[in-house]
Amino acid sequence: MIDSEIKMIKNQILTINEDGLSINNIDLNLMVPWDKIDTIKIKNRKNRLKEIKIFTNLRGFDLSHFENLESINMELKKYLDDSKWK
């Protein structure tokens, strides 16, 4: 399967694939497996997706600063059960 990569302005790359999602920059590679994600919260403003936040039992991750939130949302829906979306 091909990984989906979405680049961020500050030299970070969000990768979404069958193993989970990872956030990579020069100094850090953070991998979050799908089974560790408890909740996903999204917010829309004026019919546009403005915020995506992912929560594990330990912490939250704000993906809103990445470009193309609609694509991120579609990729996440491929791997996560509907019950996780709030």
N, C-alpha and C. Protein backbone atom coordinates (compact mmCIF):
# COMPACT_ATOMS: atom_id res chain seq x y z
N MET A 1 0.83 -1.17 0.00
CA MET A 1 0.00 0.00 0.00
C MET A 1 0.88 1.24 0.00
N ILE A 2 0.45 2.27 -0.67
CA ILE A 2 1.19 3.52 -0.76
C ILE A 2 0.88 4.38 0.46
N ASP A 3 1.92 4.95 1.07
CA ASP A 3 1.72 5.86 2.20
C ASP A 3 1.20 7.19 1.69
N SER A 4 0.34 7.81 2.47
CA SER A 4 -0.11 9.15 2.17
C SER A 4 0.73 10.12 2.98
N GLU A 5 1.34 11.07 2.32
CA GLU A 5 2.17 12.05 3.00
C GLU A 5 1.59 13.44 2.78
N ILE A 6 1.46 14.18 3.85
CA ILE A 6 0.98 15.55 3.80
C ILE A 6 2.02 16.41 4.48
N LYS A 7 2.58 17.38 3.77
CA LYS A 7 3.67 18.17 4.31
C LYS A 7 3.14 19.39 5.07
N MET A 8 3.89 19.77 6.06
CA MET A 8 3.58 20.95 6.85
C MET A 8 4.63 22.01 6.59
N ILE A 9 4.26 23.24 6.77
CA ILE A 9 5.15 24.35 6.49
C ILE A 9 6.43 24.28 7.31
N LYS A 10 6.38 23.83 8.54
CA LYS A 10 7.54 23.84 9.44
C LYS A 10 8.35 22.55 9.36
N ASN A 11 8.56 22.02 8.18
CA ASN A 11 9.41 20.86 7.94
C ASN A 11 8.94 19.60 8.64
N GLN A 12 7.66 19.46 8.85
CA GLN A 12 7.11 18.22 9.39
C GLN A 12 6.33 17.51 8.29
N ILE A 13 6.32 16.20 8.38
CA ILE A 13 5.56 15.39 7.42
C ILE A 13 4.65 14.47 8.21
N LEU A 14 3.39 14.48 7.85
CA LEU A 14 2.41 13.56 8.42
C LEU A 14 2.25 12.42 7.43
N THR A 15 2.49 11.19 7.89
CA THR A 15 2.34 10.01 7.05
C THR A 15 1.23 9.15 7.63
N ILE A 16 0.32 8.73 6.75
CA ILE A 16 -0.80 7.88 7.15
C ILE A 16 -0.73 6.61 6.31
N ASN A 17 -0.64 5.46 7.01
CA ASN A 17 -0.61 4.19 6.29
C ASN A 17 -1.27 3.11 7.14
N GLU A 18 -1.20 1.86 6.74
CA GLU A 18 -1.90 0.77 7.44
C GLU A 18 -1.38 0.53 8.85
N ASP A 19 -0.19 1.02 9.18
CA ASP A 19 0.37 0.83 10.52
C ASP A 19 -0.10 1.88 11.52
N GLY A 20 -0.49 3.04 11.03
CA GLY A 20 -0.91 4.14 11.89
C GLY A 20 -0.53 5.46 11.25
N LEU A 21 -0.41 6.48 12.07
CA LEU A 21 0.04 7.76 11.54
C LEU A 21 1.34 8.13 12.21
N SER A 22 2.18 8.81 11.47
CA SER A 22 3.45 9.26 12.03
C SER A 22 3.67 10.71 11.66
N ILE A 23 4.33 11.40 12.58
CA ILE A 23 4.72 12.78 12.38
C ILE A 23 6.24 12.80 12.43
N ASN A 24 6.84 13.27 11.36
CA ASN A 24 8.29 13.25 11.23
C ASN A 24 8.82 14.65 11.00
N ASN A 25 9.92 14.97 11.65
CA ASN A 25 10.70 16.15 11.32
C ASN A 25 12.16 15.77 11.41
N ILE A 26 13.02 16.72 11.39
CA ILE A 26 14.46 16.43 11.36
C ILE A 26 14.91 15.65 12.59
N ASP A 27 14.37 15.99 13.77
CA ASP A 27 14.86 15.41 15.02
C ASP A 27 13.98 14.32 15.61
N LEU A 28 12.78 14.14 15.12
CA LEU A 28 11.82 13.29 15.80
C LEU A 28 10.96 12.50 14.81
N ASN A 29 10.69 11.25 15.15
CA ASN A 29 9.74 10.43 14.41
C ASN A 29 8.77 9.86 15.42
N LEU A 30 7.53 10.33 15.39
CA LEU A 30 6.51 9.89 16.33
C LEU A 30 5.50 9.02 15.59
N MET A 31 5.37 7.77 15.99
CA MET A 31 4.44 6.83 15.38
C MET A 31 3.29 6.54 16.34
N VAL A 32 2.05 6.66 15.86
CA VAL A 32 0.87 6.36 16.66
C VAL A 32 0.10 5.24 15.95
N PRO A 33 0.16 4.01 16.47
CA PRO A 33 -0.59 2.90 15.86
C PRO A 33 -2.10 3.14 15.98
N TRP A 34 -2.85 2.64 15.02
CA TRP A 34 -4.30 2.84 15.00
C TRP A 34 -4.97 2.36 16.28
N ASP A 35 -4.52 1.26 16.85
CA ASP A 35 -5.19 0.73 18.04
C ASP A 35 -4.96 1.57 19.29
N LYS A 36 -4.06 2.55 19.23
CA LYS A 36 -3.81 3.44 20.37
C LYS A 36 -4.68 4.70 20.31
N ILE A 37 -5.33 4.94 19.20
CA ILE A 37 -6.17 6.13 19.04
C ILE A 37 -7.55 5.86 19.61
N ASP A 38 -7.94 6.68 20.59
CA ASP A 38 -9.24 6.52 21.24
C ASP A 38 -10.33 7.38 20.60
N THR A 39 -10.00 8.62 20.26
CA THR A 39 -11.00 9.58 19.79
C THR A 39 -10.40 10.50 18.75
N ILE A 40 -11.24 10.89 17.80
CA ILE A 40 -10.88 11.93 16.83
C ILE A 40 -11.97 12.99 16.89
N LYS A 41 -11.56 14.23 17.06
CA LYS A 41 -12.52 15.34 17.08
C LYS A 41 -12.23 16.25 15.90
N ILE A 42 -13.30 16.60 15.19
CA ILE A 42 -13.15 17.53 14.08
C ILE A 42 -14.09 18.71 14.30
N LYS A 43 -13.70 19.86 13.77
CA LYS A 43 -14.53 21.05 13.84
C LYS A 43 -14.60 21.67 12.45
N ASN A 44 -15.81 22.07 12.10
CA ASN A 44 -16.04 22.75 10.84
C ASN A 44 -16.45 24.19 11.11
N ARG A 45 -16.03 25.08 10.25
CA ARG A 45 -16.46 26.48 10.29
C ARG A 45 -16.80 26.90 8.87
N LYS A 46 -18.01 27.42 8.73
CA LYS A 46 -18.47 27.89 7.41
C LYS A 46 -18.30 26.80 6.36
N ASN A 47 -18.73 25.59 6.71
CA ASN A 47 -18.71 24.43 5.80
C ASN A 47 -17.30 24.02 5.36
N ARG A 48 -16.30 24.38 6.14
CA ARG A 48 -14.92 23.95 5.86
C ARG A 48 -14.34 23.31 7.10
N LEU A 49 -13.59 22.25 6.88
CA LEU A 49 -12.92 21.57 7.98
C LEU A 49 -11.78 22.45 8.48
N LYS A 50 -11.82 22.80 9.77
CA LYS A 50 -10.84 23.71 10.34
C LYS A 50 -9.95 23.08 11.39
N GLU A 51 -10.38 21.93 11.94
CA GLU A 51 -9.61 21.37 13.05
C GLU A 51 -9.76 19.85 13.10
N ILE A 52 -8.64 19.16 13.26
CA ILE A 52 -8.61 17.72 13.50
C ILE A 52 -7.70 17.47 14.70
N LYS A 53 -8.26 16.84 15.72
CA LYS A 53 -7.48 16.49 16.90
C LYS A 53 -7.65 15.00 17.16
N ILE A 54 -6.53 14.33 17.43
CA ILE A 54 -6.52 12.90 17.70
C ILE A 54 -6.08 12.69 19.14
N PHE A 55 -6.77 11.80 19.85
CA PHE A 55 -6.47 11.56 21.26
C PHE A 55 -6.18 10.08 21.51
N THR A 56 -5.11 9.84 22.26
CA THR A 56 -4.82 8.51 22.79
C THR A 56 -5.16 8.56 24.27
N ASN A 57 -4.91 7.49 25.00
CA ASN A 57 -5.17 7.54 26.44
C ASN A 57 -4.15 8.40 27.18
N LEU A 58 -3.04 8.75 26.53
CA LEU A 58 -1.99 9.54 27.18
C LEU A 58 -1.97 11.01 26.78
N ARG A 59 -2.35 11.31 25.52
CA ARG A 59 -2.21 12.69 25.05
C ARG A 59 -3.02 12.95 23.80
N GLY A 60 -3.05 14.20 23.41
CA GLY A 60 -3.73 14.60 22.19
C GLY A 60 -2.75 15.14 21.16
N PHE A 61 -3.14 15.06 19.91
CA PHE A 61 -2.33 15.57 18.80
C PHE A 61 -3.22 16.46 17.95
N ASP A 62 -2.81 17.69 17.75
CA ASP A 62 -3.54 18.62 16.92
C ASP A 62 -2.95 18.59 15.51
N LEU A 63 -3.74 18.13 14.57
CA LEU A 63 -3.27 18.03 13.18
C LEU A 63 -3.70 19.24 12.36
N SER A 64 -4.31 20.21 13.00
CA SER A 64 -4.91 21.35 12.30
C SER A 64 -3.90 22.23 11.58
N HIS A 65 -2.65 22.18 11.97
CA HIS A 65 -1.63 23.02 11.35
C HIS A 65 -1.08 22.40 10.06
N PHE A 66 -1.48 21.20 9.74
CA PHE A 66 -1.07 20.59 8.48
C PHE A 66 -1.94 21.12 7.34
N GLU A 67 -1.40 21.12 6.16
CA GLU A 67 -2.14 21.55 4.98
C GLU A 67 -3.15 20.48 4.57
N ASN A 68 -4.19 20.90 3.92
CA ASN A 68 -5.18 20.02 3.30
C ASN A 68 -5.86 19.08 4.30
N LEU A 69 -6.57 19.66 5.23
CA LEU A 69 -7.26 18.88 6.26
C LEU A 69 -8.29 17.92 5.68
N GLU A 70 -8.90 18.29 4.59
CA GLU A 70 -9.88 17.40 3.96
C GLU A 70 -9.24 16.07 3.55
N SER A 71 -8.05 16.13 2.99
CA SER A 71 -7.34 14.91 2.60
C SER A 71 -6.94 14.08 3.81
N ILE A 72 -6.50 14.76 4.87
CA ILE A 72 -6.14 14.05 6.09
C ILE A 72 -7.36 13.33 6.64
N ASN A 73 -8.48 14.02 6.68
CA ASN A 73 -9.73 13.45 7.17
C ASN A 73 -10.12 12.21 6.37
N MET A 74 -10.04 12.29 5.05
CA MET A 74 -10.39 11.14 4.20
C MET A 74 -9.46 9.96 4.44
N GLU A 75 -8.17 10.22 4.61
CA GLU A 75 -7.21 9.14 4.86
C GLU A 75 -7.46 8.49 6.22
N LEU A 76 -7.74 9.29 7.24
CA LEU A 76 -8.02 8.74 8.56
C LEU A 76 -9.25 7.84 8.54
N LYS A 77 -10.25 8.23 7.78
CA LYS A 77 -11.49 7.44 7.70
C LYS A 77 -11.27 6.07 7.07
N LYS A 78 -10.21 5.92 6.30
CA LYS A 78 -9.90 4.62 5.71
C LYS A 78 -9.47 3.60 6.76
N TYR A 79 -8.90 4.09 7.86
CA TYR A 79 -8.29 3.20 8.84
C TYR A 79 -8.97 3.16 10.20
N LEU A 80 -9.81 4.14 10.51
CA LEU A 80 -10.40 4.23 11.84
C LEU A 80 -11.90 4.01 11.81
N ASP A 81 -12.38 3.27 12.77
CA ASP A 81 -13.79 2.96 12.91
C ASP A 81 -14.60 4.23 13.19
N ASP A 82 -15.84 4.25 12.70
CA ASP A 82 -16.71 5.41 12.89
C ASP A 82 -16.96 5.74 14.35
N SER A 83 -16.87 4.76 15.23
CA SER A 83 -17.13 4.99 16.65
C SER A 83 -16.08 5.89 17.31
N LYS A 84 -14.94 6.08 16.67
CA LYS A 84 -13.87 6.91 17.24
C LYS A 84 -14.09 8.40 16.97
N TRP A 85 -14.97 8.74 16.04
CA TRP A 85 -15.20 10.13 15.63
C TRP A 85 -16.20 10.80 16.53
N LYS A 86 -15.86 11.95 17.05
CA LYS A 86 -16.74 12.73 17.93
C LYS A 86 -16.96 14.12 17.36
